[in-house]
Amino acid sequence: MDTKPQPEDPFSPQGVVHTIGGYMLYVATTFKYVFDFHPEDVFWCTADIGWITGHSYVTYGPLANGATSVLFEGIPTYPDESRLWSIVDKYKVTKFYTAPTAIRMLMKFGDEPVTKHSRASLQVLGTVGEPINPEAWLWYHRVVGSQHCPIVDTFWQTETGGHMLTPLPGATPMKPGSASFPFFGVAPAILNESGEELEGEAEGYLVFKQPWPGIMRTIYGNHTRFETTYFKKFPGYYVTGDGCRRDQDGYYWITGRIDDMLNVSGHLLSTAEVESALVEHEAVAEAAVVGHPHPVKGECLYCFVTLCDGHTFSSTLTEELKKQIREKIGPIATPDYIQNAPGLPKTRSGKIMRRVLRKIAQNDHDLGDTSTVADPSVINHLFSHRCLTTQ
C-alpha cells in the first residue's frame, strides 16, 4: 500500500479516445458560453492537469479562446487555508472553477480565511467532478461569491469531453445542487429499468439520445468494451451510469453513480442524499456513505464523517447525526455505523475513492490499485479506527 508507483508499472488507463476536431470544438464552445468568457477575463481552474478537467478546462478550452489562465500546482491549504483567495486577489481572477470536495474542505475552516481577502474581481464560480450538496453550494455562493456570483454547477464526464448539463451564468435561474439544463444540442432523457423514457417529474437512469461533438469515439484497443459499457444496456442511448432526477420545473439533479445506490431492506437509497443530510449538521464538513453487508437488511449504511474545526466526535454527535438522517430521509436510512474520518481517501483530482471506503468498512485489506490516492496514510488511519461491525 505504501509502495511508490513507477512510470513503467502495468496500470490500465481508461483509454478514452477523443478526436481532435470534435473535442476541440466542444471544449472551446462550452468554455466560451458556460463561463461567459470575454477577452479581458482571467480564468482559473484548480484541477490537476492530468485529469480530463485539466485537459478540457485548464488547457484546450481556455487556449482555444485565447484566455489568460492561472495554473496552480499544490494543495489549497498550503501555506495556509486562504491560499486560493490570495491567488484570486493577486491575479485578479474573474472566473473560478473547482471541485465540491475542495469547497467542503475549505468550509471546515470557517469564513475568515476567505473574507480576509477582497475577491472583488470574481464574476462567475463553477463546480465540477461530482454533485455539489446544497450546503456547500450556499456557502460557496454566500461566502466566496459574496452573493453576487452566479454558480455554474457542471455535469459531464471524461467520456463526454465537455459540459453536458449546466446553468449559463446570468441566464439560468439557479437551484442549489442542480446542474439545471442541457447545453446546446445535448438531448438528455431519464429511463426506467425497462428502458422506457420518463416524462415530467421523474427519477431513473440519465442517458443522452443523440451524439454531440465531444463524445468519445472508442476505448483504445477495445471497441467491444466501448459498445458494451455505454450502449448495450439501453440500445440507441448513450448510458452515463449516473442516476438523475428531473423536478417539476425541468431541472436535472444528479443523484450519483447508479453503482453507488444502496439497497436497504428493499429500499433504494442514494448515497448523495444521505451524505447531504449528514453535511447539513453544523459539525460535519464532509461525509461519504457506503454499503455494508447486513444479515437482515441485506445492506446497511456505513458513514464516514469529517468534522469542522472546533468540533469533537462523540456518541452524542453520532446520535444527533442518526436523528438528522431519520428526519430528513426516513427511518429506513438510519446508519448502522458512523466513523470519524479526519481525512478521506481521494484521488489527486479530489474525488472520494468509495471503492476503498467499502473495503475499509468491511475490514478487507485487499484494496487493489491505490496508486491514485493522494495521501495513502489516510487509509491506514481509517482502518485502525474503523467501527466494530457484526459482519
Protein backbone atom coordinates (compact mmCIF):
# COMPACT_ATOMS: atom_id res chain seq x y z
CA MET A 1 0.00 0.00 0.00
CA ASP A 2 2.94 2.34 0.63
CA THR A 3 4.88 1.25 -2.48
CA LYS A 4 5.67 4.19 -4.73
CA PRO A 5 4.41 3.61 -8.29
CA GLN A 6 6.96 3.66 -11.10
CA PRO A 7 6.47 5.08 -14.61
CA GLU A 8 6.56 1.64 -16.21
CA ASP A 9 4.15 -0.08 -13.78
CA PRO A 10 1.47 -2.02 -15.71
CA PHE A 11 -1.56 0.03 -14.66
CA SER A 12 -4.54 0.31 -17.00
CA PRO A 13 -5.63 3.82 -18.10
CA GLN A 14 -9.23 4.42 -19.11
CA GLY A 15 -8.21 4.58 -22.75
CA VAL A 16 -10.93 7.07 -23.76
CA VAL A 17 -10.34 8.21 -27.36
CA HIS A 18 -11.38 11.71 -28.45
CA THR A 19 -10.99 13.18 -31.93
CA ILE A 20 -9.21 16.47 -32.45
CA GLY A 21 -11.94 18.29 -34.38
CA GLY A 22 -14.95 17.29 -32.30
CA TYR A 23 -13.20 17.56 -28.96
CA MET A 24 -11.59 20.95 -29.65
CA LEU A 25 -14.83 22.40 -31.00
CA TYR A 26 -16.74 21.21 -27.95
CA VAL A 27 -14.32 22.37 -25.24
CA ALA A 28 -13.89 25.73 -26.96
CA THR A 29 -17.64 26.29 -27.23
CA THR A 30 -18.55 25.11 -23.74
CA PHE A 31 -15.73 27.15 -22.21
CA LYS A 32 -16.89 30.30 -24.01
CA TYR A 33 -20.55 30.11 -23.05
CA VAL A 34 -20.56 28.29 -19.70
CA PHE A 35 -18.04 30.72 -18.21
CA ASP A 36 -19.31 33.72 -20.22
CA PHE A 37 -15.76 34.27 -21.43
CA HIS A 38 -14.56 37.71 -22.51
CA PRO A 39 -11.04 38.64 -23.70
CA GLU A 40 -10.26 40.60 -20.54
CA ASP A 41 -11.07 37.65 -18.23
CA VAL A 42 -8.57 35.81 -16.04
CA PHE A 43 -9.68 32.19 -15.73
CA TRP A 44 -8.60 29.73 -13.05
CA CYS A 45 -9.47 26.05 -12.93
CA THR A 46 -7.84 24.32 -9.95
CA ALA A 47 -7.97 20.81 -11.47
CA ASP A 48 -4.97 18.53 -11.84
CA ILE A 49 -3.84 19.00 -15.43
CA GLY A 50 -3.64 15.21 -15.89
CA TRP A 51 -7.39 14.79 -15.27
CA ILE A 52 -9.99 15.36 -18.00
CA THR A 53 -10.99 18.67 -16.41
CA GLY A 54 -7.35 19.69 -16.70
CA HIS A 55 -7.32 18.72 -20.37
CA SER A 56 -10.60 20.44 -21.24
CA TYR A 57 -10.71 23.47 -18.95
CA VAL A 58 -7.12 24.11 -17.89
CA THR A 59 -5.57 23.53 -21.29
CA TYR A 60 -7.54 23.25 -24.53
CA GLY A 61 -10.76 25.17 -23.81
CA PRO A 62 -9.03 28.29 -22.50
CA LEU A 63 -6.24 28.19 -25.11
CA ALA A 64 -8.71 27.77 -27.98
CA ASN A 65 -10.35 31.01 -26.81
CA GLY A 66 -7.09 32.86 -26.19
CA ALA A 67 -7.85 33.09 -22.47
CA THR A 68 -5.46 34.25 -19.78
CA SER A 69 -5.30 31.38 -17.28
CA VAL A 70 -3.84 30.76 -13.86
CA LEU A 71 -2.04 27.41 -13.50
CA PHE A 72 -1.76 26.07 -9.97
CA GLU A 73 0.10 23.09 -8.56
CA GLY A 74 -0.21 22.20 -4.89
CA ILE A 75 -2.97 21.99 -2.31
CA PRO A 76 -5.49 24.69 -1.32
CA THR A 77 -4.41 24.71 2.33
CA TYR A 78 -0.67 25.39 1.96
CA PRO A 79 0.89 27.54 3.26
CA ASP A 80 -2.49 28.36 4.86
CA GLU A 81 -6.23 27.93 4.29
CA SER A 82 -6.54 31.24 2.41
CA ARG A 83 -4.16 30.20 -0.38
CA LEU A 84 -6.80 30.16 -3.14
CA TRP A 85 -8.21 33.57 -2.30
CA SER A 86 -4.81 35.22 -2.08
CA ILE A 87 -4.15 33.94 -5.61
CA VAL A 88 -7.55 35.22 -6.77
CA ASP A 89 -6.66 38.69 -5.47
CA LYS A 90 -3.08 38.63 -6.75
CA TYR A 91 -4.02 37.78 -10.34
CA LYS A 92 -7.50 39.39 -10.36
CA VAL A 93 -9.21 36.12 -11.27
CA THR A 94 -12.67 36.68 -12.78
CA LYS A 95 -13.86 33.10 -13.45
CA PHE A 96 -13.08 30.35 -10.91
CA TYR A 97 -13.71 26.60 -11.34
CA THR A 98 -13.12 23.97 -8.64
CA ALA A 99 -14.48 20.74 -7.14
CA PRO A 100 -17.14 20.34 -4.41
CA THR A 101 -14.57 18.35 -2.42
CA ALA A 102 -12.30 21.40 -2.26
CA ILE A 103 -15.22 23.63 -1.27
CA ARG A 104 -16.26 21.32 1.58
CA MET A 105 -12.67 21.05 2.78
CA LEU A 106 -12.34 24.84 2.94
CA MET A 107 -15.75 25.21 4.62
CA LYS A 108 -14.48 23.44 7.70
CA PHE A 109 -12.02 26.28 8.36
CA GLY A 110 -14.84 28.82 8.53
CA ASP A 111 -15.41 32.09 6.68
CA GLU A 112 -12.44 34.13 7.92
CA PRO A 113 -9.75 32.67 5.58
CA VAL A 114 -12.00 33.69 2.68
CA THR A 115 -13.36 37.04 3.86
CA LYS A 116 -9.95 38.44 4.80
CA HIS A 117 -9.32 38.70 1.05
CA SER A 118 -11.21 41.01 -1.30
CA ARG A 119 -12.21 38.58 -4.12
CA ALA A 120 -13.77 41.64 -5.76
CA SER A 121 -12.64 40.50 -9.21
CA LEU A 122 -14.73 37.30 -9.15
CA GLN A 123 -17.69 37.22 -11.55
CA VAL A 124 -18.53 33.53 -12.13
CA LEU A 125 -17.95 30.47 -9.92
CA GLY A 126 -18.06 26.89 -11.15
CA THR A 127 -18.10 23.36 -9.73
CA VAL A 128 -17.04 20.10 -11.34
CA GLY A 129 -16.38 16.45 -10.57
CA GLU A 130 -19.38 15.34 -8.52
CA PRO A 131 -22.80 16.60 -7.41
CA ILE A 132 -22.46 19.52 -5.00
CA ASN A 133 -24.62 19.31 -1.89
CA PRO A 134 -26.83 22.38 -1.29
CA GLU A 135 -25.00 23.35 1.92
CA ALA A 136 -21.65 23.61 0.12
CA TRP A 137 -23.31 25.43 -2.81
CA LEU A 138 -24.83 28.02 -0.47
CA TRP A 139 -21.52 28.60 1.34
CA TYR A 140 -19.71 28.95 -1.99
CA HIS A 141 -22.31 31.47 -3.17
CA ARG A 142 -22.62 33.41 0.09
CA VAL A 143 -19.03 33.49 1.31
CA VAL A 144 -16.77 33.03 -1.72
CA GLY A 145 -19.02 34.82 -4.21
CA SER A 146 -20.40 37.39 -1.76
CA GLN A 147 -23.88 36.53 -3.09
CA HIS A 148 -23.29 38.21 -6.45
CA CYS A 149 -21.51 35.50 -8.48
CA PRO A 150 -23.63 33.00 -10.44
CA ILE A 151 -22.57 29.38 -9.91
CA VAL A 152 -22.31 27.01 -12.86
CA ASP A 153 -22.76 23.50 -11.44
CA THR A 154 -21.49 21.45 -14.39
CA PHE A 155 -22.22 17.79 -15.10
CA TRP A 156 -20.05 15.98 -17.62
CA GLN A 157 -17.64 13.04 -17.88
CA THR A 158 -14.26 12.07 -19.27
CA GLU A 159 -16.24 10.33 -22.00
CA THR A 160 -18.29 13.41 -22.96
CA GLY A 161 -15.30 15.70 -23.45
CA GLY A 162 -17.05 18.75 -22.03
CA HIS A 163 -20.11 20.10 -20.24
CA MET A 164 -23.44 18.31 -20.78
CA LEU A 165 -25.77 19.74 -18.13
CA THR A 166 -25.01 23.22 -16.85
CA PRO A 167 -26.52 26.59 -15.99
CA LEU A 168 -25.46 29.57 -18.10
CA PRO A 169 -24.31 32.47 -15.89
CA GLY A 170 -26.79 35.31 -15.67
CA ALA A 171 -29.30 33.44 -17.83
CA THR A 172 -30.34 30.36 -15.84
CA PRO A 173 -32.17 30.82 -12.52
CA MET A 174 -30.11 28.79 -10.06
CA LYS A 175 -31.19 25.98 -7.75
CA PRO A 176 -28.56 24.93 -5.17
CA GLY A 177 -27.38 21.42 -6.08
CA SER A 178 -28.94 21.21 -9.54
CA ALA A 179 -26.96 21.00 -12.79
CA SER A 180 -30.09 22.61 -14.31
CA PHE A 181 -30.44 22.16 -18.09
CA PRO A 182 -28.64 20.62 -21.08
CA PHE A 183 -26.01 22.56 -23.03
CA PHE A 184 -26.73 23.49 -26.67
CA GLY A 185 -27.54 20.42 -28.76
CA VAL A 186 -27.48 17.99 -25.84
CA ALA A 187 -30.58 15.77 -25.59
CA PRO A 188 -30.91 14.11 -22.17
CA ALA A 189 -33.54 11.59 -21.15
CA ILE A 190 -34.40 9.70 -17.98
CA LEU A 191 -35.15 5.99 -18.38
CA ASN A 192 -36.63 3.41 -16.05
CA GLU A 193 -35.17 -0.07 -15.61
CA SER A 194 -37.15 -1.26 -18.64
CA GLY A 195 -35.60 1.38 -20.88
CA GLU A 196 -38.76 3.47 -21.17
CA GLU A 197 -38.40 7.26 -21.32
CA LEU A 198 -39.97 9.02 -18.34
CA GLU A 199 -41.64 12.39 -18.85
CA GLY A 200 -42.17 15.25 -16.40
CA GLU A 201 -41.05 14.76 -12.81
CA ALA A 202 -39.07 11.52 -12.78
CA GLU A 203 -36.04 9.70 -11.43
CA GLY A 204 -34.00 7.00 -13.12
CA TYR A 205 -31.06 6.43 -15.45
CA LEU A 206 -29.55 9.51 -17.12
CA VAL A 207 -28.91 8.90 -20.82
CA PHE A 208 -28.35 11.02 -23.92
CA LYS A 209 -30.39 10.49 -27.06
CA GLN A 210 -28.10 11.89 -29.75
CA PRO A 211 -24.37 12.46 -30.26
CA TRP A 212 -22.53 15.75 -29.67
CA PRO A 213 -19.13 16.93 -30.95
CA GLY A 214 -17.15 15.99 -27.82
CA ILE A 215 -18.39 12.40 -27.46
CA MET A 216 -15.69 9.75 -27.12
CA ARG A 217 -15.23 7.61 -30.24
CA THR A 218 -13.94 4.37 -28.72
CA ILE A 219 -11.86 2.82 -25.95
CA TYR A 220 -8.30 2.46 -27.17
CA GLY A 221 -7.72 -1.09 -28.35
CA ASN A 222 -11.09 -2.35 -27.11
CA HIS A 223 -14.05 -1.14 -29.16
CA THR A 224 -16.20 -4.03 -27.93
CA ARG A 225 -15.85 -2.76 -24.37
CA PHE A 226 -16.85 0.72 -25.58
CA GLU A 227 -20.06 -0.61 -27.11
CA THR A 228 -20.86 -2.83 -24.13
CA THR A 229 -20.22 -0.21 -21.44
CA TYR A 230 -22.04 2.75 -22.97
CA PHE A 231 -24.65 1.41 -25.40
CA LYS A 232 -25.64 -2.18 -24.58
CA LYS A 233 -27.92 -1.66 -21.57
CA PHE A 234 -30.24 0.73 -23.41
CA PRO A 235 -29.71 0.38 -27.19
CA GLY A 236 -29.95 3.69 -29.01
CA TYR A 237 -28.85 5.75 -26.00
CA TYR A 238 -25.52 6.78 -24.51
CA VAL A 239 -25.66 5.49 -20.90
CA THR A 240 -23.88 7.73 -18.39
CA GLY A 241 -24.03 5.31 -15.46
CA ASP A 242 -25.46 8.10 -13.32
CA GLY A 243 -28.83 8.39 -11.66
CA CYS A 244 -30.80 11.57 -12.19
CA ARG A 245 -33.96 13.31 -11.03
CA ARG A 246 -35.96 15.86 -13.01
CA ASP A 247 -38.13 18.22 -10.99
CA GLN A 248 -41.41 19.93 -11.86
CA ASP A 249 -39.54 22.86 -13.43
CA GLY A 250 -37.50 20.60 -15.70
CA TYR A 251 -34.26 20.99 -13.74
CA TYR A 252 -31.93 17.98 -13.65
CA TRP A 253 -30.42 16.79 -10.36
CA ILE A 254 -27.63 14.19 -10.44
CA THR A 255 -28.21 11.64 -7.68
CA GLY A 256 -24.87 9.85 -8.05
CA ARG A 257 -23.49 6.80 -9.76
CA ILE A 258 -26.02 4.01 -10.18
CA ASP A 259 -23.37 1.75 -8.65
CA ASP A 260 -23.47 3.92 -5.51
CA MET A 261 -27.15 3.27 -4.86
CA LEU A 262 -27.73 1.32 -1.65
CA ASN A 263 -30.40 -1.35 -1.22
CA VAL A 264 -31.53 -1.34 2.41
CA SER A 265 -34.37 -3.74 3.17
CA GLY A 266 -35.55 -3.45 -0.42
CA HIS A 267 -35.43 0.36 -0.44
CA LEU A 268 -33.04 2.06 -2.87
CA LEU A 269 -31.18 4.95 -1.24
CA SER A 270 -28.92 7.47 -2.92
CA THR A 271 -25.55 7.92 -1.22
CA ALA A 272 -25.58 11.58 -2.30
CA GLU A 273 -28.88 12.14 -0.48
CA VAL A 274 -27.59 10.61 2.77
CA GLU A 275 -24.30 12.49 2.53
CA SER A 276 -26.14 15.76 2.01
CA ALA A 277 -28.24 15.12 5.12
CA LEU A 278 -25.09 14.49 7.17
CA VAL A 279 -23.35 17.64 5.93
CA GLU A 280 -26.35 19.75 6.94
CA HIS A 281 -25.23 19.25 10.56
CA GLU A 282 -23.08 22.16 11.68
CA ALA A 283 -20.33 19.84 12.94
CA VAL A 284 -19.82 17.98 9.65
CA ALA A 285 -17.57 19.34 6.90
CA GLU A 286 -17.65 16.31 4.61
CA ALA A 287 -19.26 12.88 4.51
CA ALA A 288 -19.04 9.68 2.48
CA VAL A 289 -21.52 6.81 2.69
CA VAL A 290 -21.03 3.22 1.54
CA GLY A 291 -22.95 -0.01 1.89
CA HIS A 292 -22.04 -2.76 4.36
CA PRO A 293 -23.44 -6.32 4.40
CA HIS A 294 -26.22 -6.87 6.95
CA PRO A 295 -27.72 -10.26 7.89
CA VAL A 296 -31.30 -8.96 7.96
CA LYS A 297 -31.45 -5.82 5.82
CA GLY A 298 -29.12 -7.16 3.15
CA GLU A 299 -27.20 -3.91 3.25
CA CYS A 300 -26.81 -1.17 5.83
CA LEU A 301 -25.22 2.27 5.83
CA TYR A 302 -21.64 2.82 6.95
CA CYS A 303 -20.84 6.54 7.13
CA PHE A 304 -17.51 8.35 7.27
CA VAL A 305 -17.66 11.95 8.54
CA THR A 306 -15.00 14.66 8.59
CA LEU A 307 -15.69 17.28 11.25
CA CYS A 308 -15.33 21.04 11.08
CA ASP A 309 -12.61 22.63 13.16
CA GLY A 310 -13.66 23.07 16.78
CA HIS A 311 -15.97 20.03 16.90
CA THR A 312 -15.29 16.71 18.63
CA PHE A 313 -16.55 13.29 17.63
CA SER A 314 -18.69 11.68 20.35
CA SER A 315 -21.57 9.27 20.93
CA THR A 316 -23.84 12.30 21.37
CA LEU A 317 -22.87 13.59 17.93
CA THR A 318 -23.42 10.13 16.45
CA GLU A 319 -26.98 10.07 17.79
CA GLU A 320 -27.61 13.60 16.53
CA LEU A 321 -26.49 12.59 13.05
CA LYS A 322 -28.68 9.47 13.05
CA LYS A 323 -31.64 11.58 14.17
CA GLN A 324 -30.97 14.11 11.44
CA ILE A 325 -30.99 11.42 8.74
CA ARG A 326 -34.20 9.92 10.12
CA GLU A 327 -35.87 13.33 9.97
CA LYS A 328 -34.54 14.31 6.55
CA ILE A 329 -34.94 10.99 4.72
CA GLY A 330 -36.75 8.49 6.93
CA PRO A 331 -36.09 5.70 9.45
CA ILE A 332 -35.01 3.28 6.71
CA ALA A 333 -31.92 5.43 6.06
CA THR A 334 -30.66 5.41 9.68
CA PRO A 335 -26.97 4.42 9.54
CA ASP A 336 -25.75 1.41 11.50
CA TYR A 337 -22.20 2.78 11.65
CA ILE A 338 -20.72 6.28 11.73
CA GLN A 339 -16.93 6.57 11.78
CA ASN A 340 -14.88 9.68 12.47
CA ALA A 341 -12.69 10.36 9.43
CA PRO A 342 -10.17 13.20 9.83
CA GLY A 343 -9.38 12.60 6.16
CA LEU A 344 -10.94 10.64 3.29
CA PRO A 345 -9.08 8.74 0.56
CA LYS A 346 -9.17 10.90 -2.55
CA THR A 347 -7.57 10.97 -5.95
CA ARG A 348 -5.28 13.84 -6.82
CA SER A 349 -8.23 15.41 -8.63
CA GLY A 350 -10.23 15.40 -5.38
CA LYS A 351 -12.66 12.54 -5.98
CA ILE A 352 -13.51 10.38 -2.98
CA MET A 353 -12.48 6.77 -3.58
CA ARG A 354 -15.64 4.97 -2.45
CA ARG A 355 -14.24 1.65 -3.60
CA VAL A 356 -11.54 1.98 -0.94
CA LEU A 357 -14.07 3.08 1.70
CA ARG A 358 -16.19 -0.01 1.03
CA LYS A 359 -13.11 -2.16 1.66
CA ILE A 360 -12.37 -0.31 4.91
CA ALA A 361 -15.96 -0.71 6.09
CA GLN A 362 -15.67 -4.46 5.54
CA ASN A 363 -12.15 -4.65 7.00
CA ASP A 364 -10.90 -6.01 3.68
CA HIS A 365 -7.25 -5.09 3.16
CA ASP A 366 -7.21 -6.29 -0.46
CA LEU A 367 -7.55 -2.77 -1.86
CA GLY A 368 -6.38 -3.34 -5.41
CA ASP A 369 -4.71 -0.42 -7.20
CA THR A 370 -4.27 2.55 -4.86
CA SER A 371 -1.68 4.38 -6.95
CA THR A 372 -4.00 7.36 -7.47
CA VAL A 373 -4.60 8.02 -3.75
CA ALA A 374 -3.29 11.49 -2.93
CA ASP A 375 -2.47 10.62 0.72
CA PRO A 376 -2.12 6.86 1.43
CA SER A 377 -1.68 7.48 5.18
CA VAL A 378 -5.40 8.31 5.36
CA ILE A 379 -6.24 4.67 4.54
CA ASN A 380 -4.14 3.27 7.38
CA HIS A 381 -5.75 5.67 9.85
CA LEU A 382 -9.27 4.72 8.77
CA PHE A 383 -8.53 1.00 9.04
CA SER A 384 -7.15 1.42 12.56
CA HIS A 385 -10.19 3.42 13.72
CA ARG A 386 -12.98 1.61 11.90
CA CYS A 387 -16.23 0.75 13.68
CA LEU A 388 -16.66 -2.73 15.14
CA THR A 389 -19.08 -4.41 12.77
CA THR A 390 -21.13 -7.57 13.21
CA GLN A 391 -20.34 -8.92 9.76
